[in-house]
Protein backbone atom coordinates (compact mmCIF):
# COMPACT_ATOMS: atom_id res chain seq x y z
CA UNK A 1 -38.31 42.30 -38.88
CA UNK A 2 -35.49 40.42 -40.61
CA UNK A 3 -33.00 42.84 -39.08
CA UNK A 4 -34.36 42.16 -35.59
CA UNK A 5 -34.16 38.39 -36.17
CA UNK A 6 -30.58 38.70 -37.40
CA UNK A 7 -29.65 40.79 -34.35
CA UNK A 8 -31.17 38.22 -31.97
CA UNK A 9 -29.29 35.40 -33.74
CA UNK A 10 -25.99 37.32 -33.55
CA UNK A 11 -26.46 38.18 -29.86
CA UNK A 12 -27.46 34.58 -29.08
CA UNK A 13 -24.43 33.22 -30.95
CA UNK A 14 -22.08 35.60 -29.15
CA UNK A 15 -23.66 34.60 -25.83
CA UNK A 16 -23.16 30.88 -26.53
CA UNK A 17 -19.55 31.41 -27.63
CA UNK A 18 -18.93 33.47 -24.50
CA UNK A 19 -20.41 30.71 -22.34
CA UNK A 20 -18.26 28.02 -23.98
CA UNK A 21 -15.12 30.13 -23.56
CA UNK A 22 -15.99 30.82 -19.92
CA UNK A 23 -16.31 27.10 -19.19
CA UNK A 24 -12.94 26.53 -20.87
CA UNK A 25 -11.29 29.20 -18.74
CA UNK A 26 -12.81 27.75 -15.56
CA UNK A 27 -11.53 24.28 -16.46
CA UNK A 28 -8.02 25.62 -17.08
CA UNK A 29 -8.08 27.56 -13.79
CA UNK A 30 -8.94 24.36 -11.94
CA UNK A 31 -6.05 22.57 -13.65
CA UNK A 32 -3.69 25.40 -12.71
CA UNK A 33 -4.96 25.41 -9.15
CA UNK A 34 -4.02 21.73 -8.89
CA UNK A 35 -0.58 22.44 -10.38
CA UNK A 36 -0.01 25.30 -7.95
CA UNK A 37 -1.09 23.11 -5.04
CA UNK A 38 1.67 20.70 -5.99
CA UNK A 39 5.28 21.73 -6.09
CA UNK A 40 7.85 20.97 -8.78
CA UNK A 41 7.68 17.53 -10.41
CA UNK A 42 4.30 16.89 -8.80
CA UNK A 43 5.74 16.83 -5.28
CA UNK A 44 3.67 18.26 -2.47
CA UNK A 45 4.49 21.82 -1.47
CA UNK A 46 5.36 20.62 2.02
CA UNK A 47 6.46 17.27 3.34
CA UNK A 48 7.48 13.93 1.96
CA UNK A 49 6.39 12.80 -1.49
CA UNK A 50 3.79 10.08 -1.90
CA UNK A 51 5.33 6.67 -1.27
CA UNK A 52 8.31 8.09 0.64
CA UNK A 53 9.22 6.50 3.97
CA UNK A 54 9.21 8.62 7.11
CA UNK A 55 12.67 9.13 8.63
CA UNK A 56 13.48 7.88 12.12
CA UNK A 57 12.09 9.83 15.05
CA UNK A 58 11.14 9.07 18.65
CA UNK A 59 9.25 11.58 20.81
CA UNK A 60 6.84 11.77 23.72
CA UNK A 61 3.35 13.21 23.47
CA UNK A 62 1.98 15.67 26.01
CA UNK A 63 0.25 12.71 27.67
CA UNK A 64 3.63 10.96 28.05
CA UNK A 65 3.08 8.30 25.37
CA UNK A 66 6.06 7.34 23.24
CA UNK A 67 5.60 7.74 19.48
CA UNK A 68 8.10 6.85 16.77
CA UNK A 69 8.31 6.06 13.08
CA UNK A 70 8.13 2.32 13.83
CA UNK A 71 4.78 2.65 15.63
CA UNK A 72 2.64 3.18 12.53
CA UNK A 73 -0.05 0.52 12.25
CA UNK A 74 -2.74 0.98 9.66
CA UNK A 75 -3.39 4.44 8.28
CA UNK A 76 -2.22 7.12 10.69
CA UNK A 77 -3.47 10.68 10.31
CA UNK A 78 -0.68 13.18 10.96
CA UNK A 79 -1.15 16.95 11.22
CA UNK A 80 1.43 19.71 11.55
CA UNK A 81 0.28 23.01 13.03
CA UNK A 82 2.12 26.18 14.03
CA UNK A 83 1.26 28.73 16.69
CA UNK A 84 0.26 32.06 15.15
CA UNK A 85 -0.63 30.45 11.81
CA UNK A 86 -4.18 31.54 10.98
CA UNK A 87 -4.82 28.73 8.44
CA UNK A 88 -3.66 26.26 11.14
CA UNK A 89 -6.04 27.69 13.70
CA UNK A 90 -8.88 27.67 11.16
CA UNK A 91 -8.18 24.02 10.30
CA UNK A 92 -7.98 22.64 13.85
CA UNK A 93 -11.77 22.19 14.40
CA UNK A 94 -12.13 20.30 11.10
CA UNK A 95 -9.02 18.23 11.85
CA UNK A 96 -10.46 17.35 15.27
CA UNK A 97 -13.70 16.23 13.64
CA UNK A 98 -11.85 14.10 11.07
CA UNK A 99 -9.63 12.65 13.81
CA UNK A 100 -12.66 11.82 15.93
CA UNK A 101 -13.97 9.51 13.20
CA UNK A 102 -10.57 8.19 12.08
CA UNK A 103 -10.29 4.39 12.48
CA UNK A 104 -8.11 3.44 15.42
CA UNK A 105 -8.87 6.60 17.38
CA UNK A 106 -6.19 8.72 19.06
CA UNK A 107 -3.64 5.89 18.80
CA UNK A 108 -3.62 6.43 15.02
CA UNK A 109 -3.73 10.23 15.01
CA UNK A 110 -0.64 12.35 15.63
CA UNK A 111 -0.60 16.15 15.80
CA UNK A 112 2.47 18.37 16.04
CA UNK A 113 2.24 21.94 17.36
CA UNK A 114 5.35 24.03 16.77
CA UNK A 115 6.12 27.41 18.29
CA UNK A 116 5.90 28.90 21.75
CA UNK A 117 2.70 28.97 23.77
CA UNK A 118 1.02 26.22 21.77
CA UNK A 119 -1.22 25.22 24.66
CA UNK A 120 -4.44 26.45 23.06
CA UNK A 121 -3.93 24.44 19.88
CA UNK A 122 -2.57 21.45 21.79
CA UNK A 123 -5.53 21.48 24.20
CA UNK A 124 -7.97 21.43 21.28
CA UNK A 125 -6.15 18.50 19.65
CA UNK A 126 -5.43 16.41 22.78
CA UNK A 127 -8.81 14.62 23.06
CA UNK A 128 -8.45 13.06 19.58
CA UNK A 129 -4.70 12.80 18.96
CA UNK A 130 -1.31 12.18 20.43
CA UNK A 131 -0.04 15.76 20.58
CA UNK A 132 3.64 16.61 20.35
CA UNK A 133 4.78 20.15 21.17
CA UNK A 134 7.91 22.26 21.20
CA UNK A 135 11.29 20.88 20.18
CA UNK A 136 9.87 17.35 19.81
CA UNK A 137 7.32 18.67 17.30
CA UNK A 138 10.20 20.25 15.36
CA UNK A 139 12.00 16.88 15.37
CA UNK A 140 8.99 15.15 13.85
CA UNK A 141 8.52 17.97 11.33
CA UNK A 142 12.09 17.41 10.14
CA UNK A 143 11.46 13.65 9.82
CA UNK A 144 8.46 14.42 7.61
CA UNK A 145 10.29 17.26 5.77
CA UNK A 146 7.51 19.72 6.57
CA UNK A 147 8.16 23.22 5.30
CA UNK A 148 4.68 24.79 5.41
CA UNK A 149 1.85 24.84 7.92
CA UNK A 150 -0.63 23.32 8.14
CA UNK A 151 0.50 20.08 6.49
CA UNK A 152 -1.60 16.93 6.69
CA UNK A 153 -0.58 13.38 5.83
CA UNK A 154 -1.86 9.83 5.91
CA UNK A 155 0.89 7.33 6.71
CA UNK A 156 0.37 3.62 5.99
CA UNK A 157 1.31 0.77 8.33
CA UNK A 158 4.76 0.54 6.71
CA UNK A 159 5.61 4.18 7.48
CA UNK A 160 5.08 5.39 3.91
CA UNK A 161 3.20 8.51 2.87
CA UNK A 162 -0.15 7.58 1.36
CA UNK A 163 -1.55 11.12 1.08
CA UNK A 164 -0.12 14.59 1.68
CA UNK A 165 -1.72 17.98 1.36
CA UNK A 166 -2.17 21.40 2.92
CA UNK A 167 -5.96 21.01 2.99
CA UNK A 168 -8.12 18.42 4.69
CA UNK A 169 -10.53 18.22 1.73
CA UNK A 170 -7.72 16.93 -0.47
CA UNK A 171 -7.22 13.81 1.65
CA UNK A 172 -9.95 11.71 0.02
CA UNK A 173 -10.11 9.00 2.69
CA UNK A 174 -11.00 11.57 5.32
CA UNK A 175 -13.65 13.32 3.25
CA UNK A 176 -15.46 9.99 2.79
CA UNK A 177 -15.28 9.19 6.51
């Protein structure tokens, strides 16, 4: 009987140690995931760093509205999408939903669609955003230093980056909306 009790205690202790180590590994994996999501020196993988000012640009949306870096008023949601990019296509419905509830409406939402034949993505985004396509979208992407798609940003009324990420869930103001 004493041997059975000792065996149960040993197995229980090993189980508890295993559980504690597993939680430690999970915590470290989450920390590494955050580090991988950010580039060197904590910079975003794509786009301007937090607090950086957007470079000059002036373009026309598909609807013919003029948009430029001096037009930011309040928080503006900006999304960069590329034709043929599966993560971009997967994100568009969620971006549209976030844009639909974004304060200021389409006047404070800007979406760029790069690549040829971007009509499908642009059509989905048009009801909730000023959509820029083609060479003009590339111009804006350069002003924001975008190097990966999709890239999402919140720009404050002074034209500075307030949030920047590749995933909508990592823009906390939008998740709460």
